[in-house]
Amino acid sequence: MARSRINGSLADLGAPTDLDRPAPMVPERPVLQTEFAFELPRGFVDGEGVVHRSGTMRLATARDELLPLYDARVMENAAFTTVILLARVITSLGTVPSITSNVVENMFASDVAFLQDFYRRINTEGHTRAAVSCPSCSHRFAVDLSGGSLGES
């Protein structure tokens, strides 16, 4: 077979080159979302009166769920488990520099209830969407429960 010089290399005339072959299909790996944004219904009011509503929560690890069980406050009052667990998995809240159990303790009860439901959704279902039906027409649709303004999803 005849050979010719192309760009300083030898190539068979008429033979397929790498440019003629389709690129191999590389399956895309699904991306695991580990942090989820939320917006508190009321907001955490810090010591200076600043309201913090937007935040992020990460997926919990087994360690996150086990460590509170050894905390003296939980041994005294099991309900404190929620406070410690939320303080471990909330990664940001507005401009609050550090999320501690004290921050969670001083949140409004409605915000703590929201965060408990949010925690359950992202750790068991992997997302913050819920299927709902319109009470008037029975139309089914999904809403995002991560918060935000009314009418947004």
Protein backbone atom coordinates (compact mmCIF):
# COMPACT_ATOMS: atom_id res chain seq x y z
CA MET A 1 0.00 0.00 0.00
CA ALA A 2 1.23 3.46 -0.79
CA ARG A 3 2.36 5.71 2.03
CA SER A 4 2.46 9.49 2.19
CA ARG A 5 3.77 11.92 4.76
CA ILE A 6 1.03 13.90 6.61
CA ASN A 7 2.05 16.44 9.25
CA GLY A 8 5.40 14.81 9.77
CA SER A 9 4.04 11.24 10.20
CA LEU A 10 3.39 8.36 7.88
CA ALA A 11 -0.20 7.31 7.23
CA ASP A 12 -1.64 4.63 4.93
CA LEU A 13 -3.38 6.21 1.99
CA GLY A 14 -7.07 5.37 2.12
CA ALA A 15 -6.87 3.76 5.57
CA PRO A 16 -9.18 5.20 8.24
CA THR A 17 -7.56 7.57 10.69
CA ASP A 18 -8.52 8.39 14.29
CA LEU A 19 -10.35 11.42 12.93
CA ASP A 20 -12.59 9.17 10.82
CA ARG A 21 -13.67 7.00 13.76
CA PRO A 22 -16.47 8.10 16.09
CA ALA A 23 -15.36 8.99 19.59
CA PRO A 24 -15.95 6.15 22.05
CA MET A 25 -19.04 6.60 24.18
CA VAL A 26 -18.06 7.22 27.77
CA PRO A 27 -21.01 6.75 30.08
CA GLU A 28 -21.62 9.80 32.23
CA ARG A 29 -21.44 9.15 35.92
CA PRO A 30 -24.42 10.49 37.80
CA VAL A 31 -23.51 13.38 40.05
CA LEU A 32 -24.45 12.87 43.68
CA GLN A 33 -25.90 16.02 45.16
CA THR A 34 -24.67 16.31 48.74
CA GLU A 35 -25.77 19.86 49.62
CA PHE A 36 -29.24 21.33 49.31
CA ALA A 37 -30.28 24.98 49.56
CA PHE A 38 -33.24 26.00 51.70
CA GLU A 39 -35.07 29.10 52.84
CA LEU A 40 -36.53 29.17 56.34
CA PRO A 41 -40.20 30.13 56.64
CA ARG A 42 -39.53 32.74 59.36
CA GLY A 43 -35.76 33.03 59.68
CA PHE A 44 -33.22 32.91 62.47
CA VAL A 45 -32.82 36.25 64.27
CA ASP A 46 -29.28 36.70 65.58
CA GLY A 47 -28.21 38.74 68.62
CA GLU A 48 -28.02 41.92 66.54
CA GLY A 49 -31.54 41.52 65.13
CA VAL A 50 -30.44 40.38 61.67
CA VAL A 51 -32.80 37.82 60.10
CA HIS A 52 -31.09 34.89 58.32
CA ARG A 53 -33.33 32.78 56.03
CA SER A 54 -31.21 31.27 53.24
CA GLY A 55 -28.99 28.33 54.02
CA THR A 56 -27.65 24.97 52.94
CA MET A 57 -27.83 21.52 54.46
CA ARG A 58 -25.62 18.57 53.58
CA LEU A 59 -26.52 14.92 53.55
CA ALA A 60 -26.05 13.26 56.93
CA THR A 61 -23.51 10.55 57.60
CA ALA A 62 -23.90 7.64 59.97
CA ARG A 63 -21.51 9.48 62.30
CA ASP A 64 -23.83 12.51 62.32
CA GLU A 65 -26.67 10.33 63.53
CA LEU A 66 -24.62 8.35 66.07
CA LEU A 67 -22.60 11.06 67.82
CA PRO A 68 -25.57 12.86 69.39
CA LEU A 69 -26.48 9.64 71.21
CA TYR A 70 -23.33 10.03 73.33
CA ASP A 71 -23.97 13.67 74.16
CA ALA A 72 -24.89 14.32 77.81
CA ARG A 73 -27.66 16.73 76.76
CA VAL A 74 -29.32 13.97 74.73
CA MET A 75 -28.96 11.48 77.58
CA GLU A 76 -30.81 13.97 79.76
CA ASN A 77 -33.43 14.86 77.12
CA ALA A 78 -33.77 12.75 73.94
CA ALA A 79 -35.50 15.62 72.14
CA PHE A 80 -32.15 17.43 72.07
CA THR A 81 -30.99 14.92 69.43
CA THR A 82 -32.69 17.00 66.75
CA VAL A 83 -30.88 20.16 67.82
CA ILE A 84 -27.44 18.54 67.72
CA LEU A 85 -28.11 16.71 64.47
CA LEU A 86 -29.33 19.83 62.67
CA ALA A 87 -26.34 21.82 63.95
CA ARG A 88 -24.06 19.18 62.41
CA VAL A 89 -25.67 19.10 58.94
CA ILE A 90 -26.59 22.76 58.35
CA THR A 91 -23.53 24.08 56.53
CA SER A 92 -24.58 27.72 56.20
CA LEU A 93 -27.31 30.08 57.27
CA GLY A 94 -27.16 33.62 55.97
CA THR A 95 -24.08 35.33 57.39
CA VAL A 96 -24.04 33.33 60.64
CA PRO A 97 -20.34 32.45 61.00
CA SER A 98 -20.84 29.06 62.65
CA ILE A 99 -23.90 26.86 63.05
CA THR A 100 -23.96 25.52 66.60
CA SER A 101 -26.57 23.84 68.75
CA ASN A 102 -27.13 27.26 70.34
CA VAL A 103 -28.18 28.66 66.93
CA VAL A 104 -30.66 25.81 66.37
CA GLU A 105 -31.99 26.12 69.95
CA ASN A 106 -32.83 29.77 69.29
CA MET A 107 -34.70 29.20 66.04
CA PHE A 108 -38.46 29.53 65.88
CA ALA A 109 -40.26 26.20 66.32
CA SER A 110 -41.75 26.47 62.82
CA ASP A 111 -38.25 26.79 61.32
CA VAL A 112 -36.99 23.76 63.28
CA ALA A 113 -40.01 21.76 62.08
CA PHE A 114 -39.26 22.86 58.50
CA LEU A 115 -35.60 21.80 58.88
CA GLN A 116 -36.59 18.41 60.34
CA ASP A 117 -38.82 17.73 57.34
CA PHE A 118 -36.15 19.03 54.96
CA TYR A 119 -33.56 16.74 56.61
CA ARG A 120 -35.88 13.75 56.24
CA ARG A 121 -36.58 14.51 52.59
CA ILE A 122 -32.98 14.92 51.46
CA ASN A 123 -31.69 11.97 53.46
CA THR A 124 -34.40 9.46 52.59
CA GLU A 125 -35.69 10.63 49.23
CA GLY A 126 -32.62 12.44 47.88
CA HIS A 127 -34.52 15.53 46.74
CA THR A 128 -36.76 18.30 48.02
CA ARG A 129 -39.70 17.86 45.64
CA ALA A 130 -43.15 16.64 46.62
CA ALA A 131 -46.09 15.55 44.48
CA VAL A 132 -49.26 17.52 45.19
CA SER A 133 -52.75 17.85 43.72
CA CYS A 134 -54.78 20.99 43.18
CA PRO A 135 -57.83 20.80 45.47
CA SER A 136 -60.03 22.47 42.82
CA CYS A 137 -59.18 20.62 39.61
CA SER A 138 -57.18 17.62 40.92
CA HIS A 139 -54.27 18.49 38.60
CA ARG A 140 -51.11 16.78 39.88
CA PHE A 141 -47.77 18.60 39.89
CA ALA A 142 -44.51 18.77 41.83
CA VAL A 143 -43.41 21.55 44.16
CA ASP A 144 -39.98 22.19 45.60
CA LEU A 145 -40.15 22.30 49.38
CA SER A 146 -36.77 23.95 49.85
CA GLY A 147 -38.48 27.27 50.47
CA GLY A 148 -38.57 30.52 48.58
CA SER A 149 -41.30 32.98 47.76
CA LEU A 150 -44.89 31.90 47.36
CA GLY A 151 -45.64 30.71 43.87
CA GLU A 152 -42.05 29.67 43.17
CA SER A 153 -41.11 26.05 42.76
